[in-house]
Amino acid sequence: MKKNLMNQTEIYKKASKSISDIKVILCYTKPEIANVIRILKGLKQENAENVIIIDATIKLSASKV
């Protein structure tokens, strides 16, 4: 994942001649979320506005809370 976060969007940006990029990361477990945050901190991107982490962990239905 670290390698992809560092390089993948740059490759797509060049190919599509785009100026900006958005990275969307879908996490299914709490450990995955923690791992992504750790990697982003290591890359100094933890507060980047173009990185979106989606928490897809199982939750109670809002109608049952």
N, C-alpha and C. Protein backbone atom coordinates (compact mmCIF):
# COMPACT_ATOMS: atom_id res chain seq x y z
N MET A 1 0.81 -1.18 0.00
CA MET A 1 0.00 0.00 0.00
C MET A 1 0.86 1.26 0.00
N LYS A 2 1.95 1.23 0.76
CA LYS A 2 2.81 2.40 0.83
C LYS A 2 3.34 2.78 -0.55
N LYS A 3 3.79 1.77 -1.29
CA LYS A 3 4.33 2.02 -2.63
C LYS A 3 3.25 2.60 -3.55
N ASN A 4 2.03 2.06 -3.46
CA ASN A 4 0.92 2.57 -4.27
C ASN A 4 0.60 4.02 -3.92
N LEU A 5 0.56 4.34 -2.63
CA LEU A 5 0.26 5.71 -2.23
C LEU A 5 1.34 6.68 -2.71
N MET A 6 2.56 6.20 -2.79
CA MET A 6 3.66 7.06 -3.23
C MET A 6 3.68 7.25 -4.74
N ASN A 7 3.35 6.21 -5.51
CA ASN A 7 3.59 6.25 -6.95
C ASN A 7 2.37 6.17 -7.85
N GLN A 8 1.36 5.42 -7.47
CA GLN A 8 0.28 5.07 -8.38
C GLN A 8 -0.47 6.29 -8.93
N THR A 9 -0.85 7.21 -8.05
CA THR A 9 -1.63 8.35 -8.55
C THR A 9 -0.80 9.25 -9.45
N GLU A 10 0.50 9.33 -9.21
CA GLU A 10 1.36 10.12 -10.10
C GLU A 10 1.35 9.54 -11.51
N ILE A 11 1.36 8.23 -11.60
CA ILE A 11 1.33 7.57 -12.91
C ILE A 11 0.02 7.88 -13.61
N TYR A 12 -1.10 7.78 -12.88
CA TYR A 12 -2.41 8.08 -13.48
C TYR A 12 -2.55 9.55 -13.84
N LYS A 13 -2.00 10.44 -13.00
CA LYS A 13 -2.06 11.87 -13.30
C LYS A 13 -1.34 12.17 -14.61
N LYS A 14 -0.16 11.60 -14.79
CA LYS A 14 0.58 11.82 -16.03
C LYS A 14 -0.18 11.27 -17.23
N ALA A 15 -0.72 10.06 -17.08
CA ALA A 15 -1.43 9.42 -18.19
C ALA A 15 -2.67 10.21 -18.61
N SER A 16 -3.37 10.79 -17.65
CA SER A 16 -4.59 11.52 -17.97
C SER A 16 -4.36 13.02 -18.10
N LYS A 17 -3.11 13.45 -17.95
CA LYS A 17 -2.74 14.87 -18.03
C LYS A 17 -3.54 15.70 -17.03
N SER A 18 -3.69 15.16 -15.84
CA SER A 18 -4.44 15.81 -14.78
C SER A 18 -3.50 16.60 -13.87
N ILE A 19 -4.03 17.62 -13.23
CA ILE A 19 -3.24 18.44 -12.32
C ILE A 19 -3.34 17.91 -10.89
N SER A 20 -4.51 17.42 -10.53
CA SER A 20 -4.74 16.99 -9.14
C SER A 20 -5.16 15.51 -9.09
N ASP A 21 -5.18 15.00 -7.87
CA ASP A 21 -5.57 13.61 -7.67
C ASP A 21 -6.34 13.47 -6.36
N ILE A 22 -7.10 12.39 -6.28
CA ILE A 22 -7.82 12.05 -5.05
C ILE A 22 -7.53 10.58 -4.78
N LYS A 23 -7.13 10.29 -3.55
CA LYS A 23 -6.86 8.91 -3.14
C LYS A 23 -7.98 8.48 -2.19
N VAL A 24 -8.71 7.44 -2.55
CA VAL A 24 -9.79 6.93 -1.72
C VAL A 24 -9.39 5.53 -1.26
N ILE A 25 -9.40 5.33 0.07
CA ILE A 25 -8.99 4.05 0.65
C ILE A 25 -10.16 3.49 1.43
N LEU A 26 -10.60 2.31 1.06
CA LEU A 26 -11.73 1.65 1.70
C LEU A 26 -11.19 0.63 2.70
N CYS A 27 -11.51 0.80 3.97
CA CYS A 27 -11.01 -0.09 5.03
C CYS A 27 -12.16 -0.86 5.65
N TYR A 28 -12.01 -2.18 5.74
CA TYR A 28 -13.07 -3.04 6.26
C TYR A 28 -12.90 -3.39 7.74
N THR A 29 -11.72 -3.12 8.30
CA THR A 29 -11.49 -3.44 9.71
C THR A 29 -10.77 -2.28 10.39
N LYS A 30 -10.87 -2.22 11.71
CA LYS A 30 -10.17 -1.19 12.49
C LYS A 30 -8.65 -1.31 12.32
N PRO A 31 -8.09 -2.54 12.32
CA PRO A 31 -6.64 -2.64 12.09
C PRO A 31 -6.20 -2.10 10.72
N GLU A 32 -7.05 -2.28 9.70
CA GLU A 32 -6.73 -1.71 8.39
C GLU A 32 -6.68 -0.19 8.45
N ILE A 33 -7.62 0.40 9.16
CA ILE A 33 -7.64 1.86 9.31
C ILE A 33 -6.38 2.34 10.01
N ALA A 34 -6.01 1.66 11.09
CA ALA A 34 -4.80 2.02 11.84
C ALA A 34 -3.56 1.89 10.96
N ASN A 35 -3.50 0.84 10.14
CA ASN A 35 -2.37 0.64 9.24
C ASN A 35 -2.27 1.76 8.20
N VAL A 36 -3.41 2.13 7.63
CA VAL A 36 -3.43 3.20 6.64
C VAL A 36 -2.96 4.51 7.27
N ILE A 37 -3.45 4.81 8.46
CA ILE A 37 -3.06 6.05 9.14
C ILE A 37 -1.55 6.04 9.43
N ARG A 38 -1.03 4.89 9.86
CA ARG A 38 0.40 4.78 10.13
C ARG A 38 1.22 5.03 8.86
N ILE A 39 0.78 4.44 7.75
CA ILE A 39 1.48 4.63 6.48
C ILE A 39 1.41 6.10 6.05
N LEU A 40 0.23 6.70 6.17
CA LEU A 40 0.08 8.10 5.77
C LEU A 40 0.96 9.01 6.63
N LYS A 41 1.06 8.72 7.92
CA LYS A 41 1.95 9.51 8.77
C LYS A 41 3.39 9.38 8.32
N GLY A 42 3.80 8.16 7.97
CA GLY A 42 5.16 7.93 7.48
C GLY A 42 5.45 8.69 6.19
N LEU A 43 4.41 8.88 5.37
CA LEU A 43 4.56 9.61 4.11
C LEU A 43 4.27 11.10 4.28
N LYS A 44 3.98 11.51 5.53
CA LYS A 44 3.63 12.90 5.85
C LYS A 44 2.40 13.37 5.04
N GLN A 45 1.41 12.47 4.93
CA GLN A 45 0.17 12.77 4.21
C GLN A 45 -1.07 12.56 5.07
N GLU A 46 -0.87 12.43 6.41
CA GLU A 46 -2.02 12.11 7.26
C GLU A 46 -3.09 13.19 7.26
N ASN A 47 -2.74 14.43 6.93
CA ASN A 47 -3.72 15.52 6.89
C ASN A 47 -3.95 16.02 5.48
N ALA A 48 -3.55 15.25 4.49
CA ALA A 48 -3.72 15.67 3.10
C ALA A 48 -5.19 15.72 2.74
N GLU A 49 -5.61 16.80 2.10
CA GLU A 49 -7.03 16.94 1.78
C GLU A 49 -7.44 16.10 0.58
N ASN A 50 -6.49 15.53 -0.14
CA ASN A 50 -6.83 14.68 -1.28
C ASN A 50 -6.84 13.19 -0.94
N VAL A 51 -6.73 12.86 0.36
CA VAL A 51 -6.77 11.47 0.80
C VAL A 51 -8.04 11.26 1.62
N ILE A 52 -8.85 10.30 1.19
CA ILE A 52 -10.12 10.00 1.87
C ILE A 52 -10.08 8.55 2.33
N ILE A 53 -10.30 8.34 3.62
CA ILE A 53 -10.37 6.99 4.17
C ILE A 53 -11.84 6.71 4.48
N ILE A 54 -12.36 5.65 3.90
CA ILE A 54 -13.75 5.26 4.15
C ILE A 54 -13.76 4.11 5.14
N ASP A 55 -14.45 4.32 6.25
CA ASP A 55 -14.59 3.30 7.29
C ASP A 55 -15.76 2.39 6.93
N ALA A 56 -15.45 1.20 6.41
CA ALA A 56 -16.48 0.25 5.98
C ALA A 56 -16.64 -0.88 6.99
N THR A 57 -16.28 -0.61 8.25
CA THR A 57 -16.46 -1.64 9.28
C THR A 57 -17.95 -1.83 9.53
N ILE A 58 -18.30 -3.00 10.02
CA ILE A 58 -19.71 -3.32 10.30
C ILE A 58 -20.19 -2.46 11.46
N LYS A 59 -21.34 -1.84 11.28
CA LYS A 59 -21.93 -0.96 12.30
C LYS A 59 -23.40 -1.33 12.50
N LEU A 60 -23.92 -0.92 13.64
CA LEU A 60 -25.34 -1.10 13.89
C LEU A 60 -26.14 -0.21 12.94
N SER A 61 -27.28 -0.70 12.53
CA SER A 61 -28.17 0.10 11.70
C SER A 61 -28.65 1.31 12.48
N ALA A 62 -28.69 2.45 11.85
CA ALA A 62 -29.15 3.68 12.51
C ALA A 62 -30.60 3.54 13.00
N SER A 63 -31.41 2.74 12.32
CA SER A 63 -32.80 2.56 12.72
C SER A 63 -32.93 1.66 13.95
N LYS A 64 -31.86 0.96 14.32
CA LYS A 64 -31.92 0.06 15.46
C LYS A 64 -31.20 0.63 16.68
N VAL A 65 -30.66 1.82 16.56
CA VAL A 65 -29.91 2.40 17.68
C VAL A 65 -30.85 3.15 18.59
